[in-house]
Amino acid sequence: MSVAEVAGLVVRPAVTGTMRARKTKSRQHVVAKKQWAAYVGVAVMTTLLTKVLNEFVERRFAADDADVT
């Protein structure tokens, strides 16, 4: 796994979770640390699940003569 892939798995979910927390904060008064952590955690899990699912689909449905790593 390259540095860019690791950064993508960490940075994107953190930004997504932070954006979700900011949206919640605009509707409510306070976003608790636990709530922000939960948003980031869900974003991380969603990113990982998407990555695994994409790799599965590429392996499963790739043409027999295609070179898939």
Protein backbone atom coordinates (compact mmCIF):
# COMPACT_ATOMS: atom_id res chain seq x y z
CA MET A 1 0.00 0.00 0.00
CA SER A 2 1.49 3.31 -1.06
CA VAL A 3 1.65 6.48 1.01
CA ALA A 4 -1.02 8.06 -1.22
CA GLU A 5 -3.40 5.15 -0.61
CA VAL A 6 -2.88 5.32 3.15
CA ALA A 7 -3.40 9.09 3.10
CA GLY A 8 -6.58 8.58 1.09
CA LEU A 9 -7.87 6.10 3.64
CA VAL A 10 -7.15 8.48 6.52
CA VAL A 11 -7.62 12.01 5.19
CA ARG A 12 -10.81 11.61 3.17
CA PRO A 13 -12.81 10.05 6.05
CA ALA A 14 -11.51 12.65 8.49
CA VAL A 15 -12.62 15.46 6.20
CA THR A 16 -15.96 13.78 5.53
CA GLY A 17 -16.57 13.27 9.25
CA THR A 18 -15.59 16.85 10.03
CA MET A 19 -17.92 18.21 7.34
CA ARG A 20 -20.76 16.10 8.75
CA ALA A 21 -20.03 17.37 12.26
CA ARG A 22 -20.03 20.98 11.02
CA LYS A 23 -23.39 20.43 9.33
CA THR A 24 -24.76 18.97 12.57
CA LYS A 25 -23.31 21.86 14.56
CA SER A 26 -25.10 24.35 12.30
CA ARG A 27 -28.40 22.64 13.17
CA GLN A 28 -27.67 22.08 16.87
CA HIS A 29 -25.70 23.89 19.54
CA VAL A 30 -22.90 21.43 20.26
CA VAL A 31 -21.21 18.49 18.58
CA ALA A 32 -19.70 16.24 21.23
CA LYS A 33 -16.27 14.72 20.72
CA LYS A 34 -17.86 11.28 20.74
CA GLN A 35 -20.26 12.34 18.01
CA TRP A 36 -17.43 13.73 15.85
CA ALA A 37 -15.42 10.54 16.42
CA ALA A 38 -18.43 8.47 15.40
CA TYR A 39 -18.79 10.47 12.17
CA VAL A 40 -15.11 9.92 11.36
CA GLY A 41 -15.37 6.24 12.30
CA VAL A 42 -18.35 5.68 10.02
CA ALA A 43 -16.54 7.49 7.20
CA VAL A 44 -13.45 5.30 7.70
CA MET A 45 -15.51 2.11 7.66
CA THR A 46 -17.41 3.24 4.57
CA THR A 47 -14.15 4.06 2.78
CA LEU A 48 -12.61 0.70 3.67
CA LEU A 49 -15.75 -1.21 2.69
CA THR A 50 -15.89 0.61 -0.64
CA LYS A 51 -12.22 -0.18 -1.30
CA VAL A 52 -12.70 -3.87 -0.51
CA LEU A 53 -15.88 -4.07 -2.58
CA ASN A 54 -14.22 -2.37 -5.56
CA GLU A 55 -11.29 -4.80 -5.39
CA PHE A 56 -13.68 -7.76 -5.17
CA VAL A 57 -15.66 -6.59 -8.19
CA GLU A 58 -12.48 -6.02 -10.18
CA ARG A 59 -11.21 -9.51 -9.35
CA ARG A 60 -14.53 -11.28 -9.78
CA PHE A 61 -15.74 -9.67 -12.98
CA ALA A 62 -12.45 -8.94 -14.72
CA ALA A 63 -11.96 -10.54 -18.09
CA ASP A 64 -9.91 -13.72 -18.02
CA ASP A 65 -7.16 -12.21 -20.14
CA ALA A 66 -7.02 -8.91 -18.22
CA ASP A 67 -4.08 -8.31 -15.89
CA VAL A 68 -5.60 -7.23 -12.56
CA THR A 69 -3.26 -6.68 -9.63
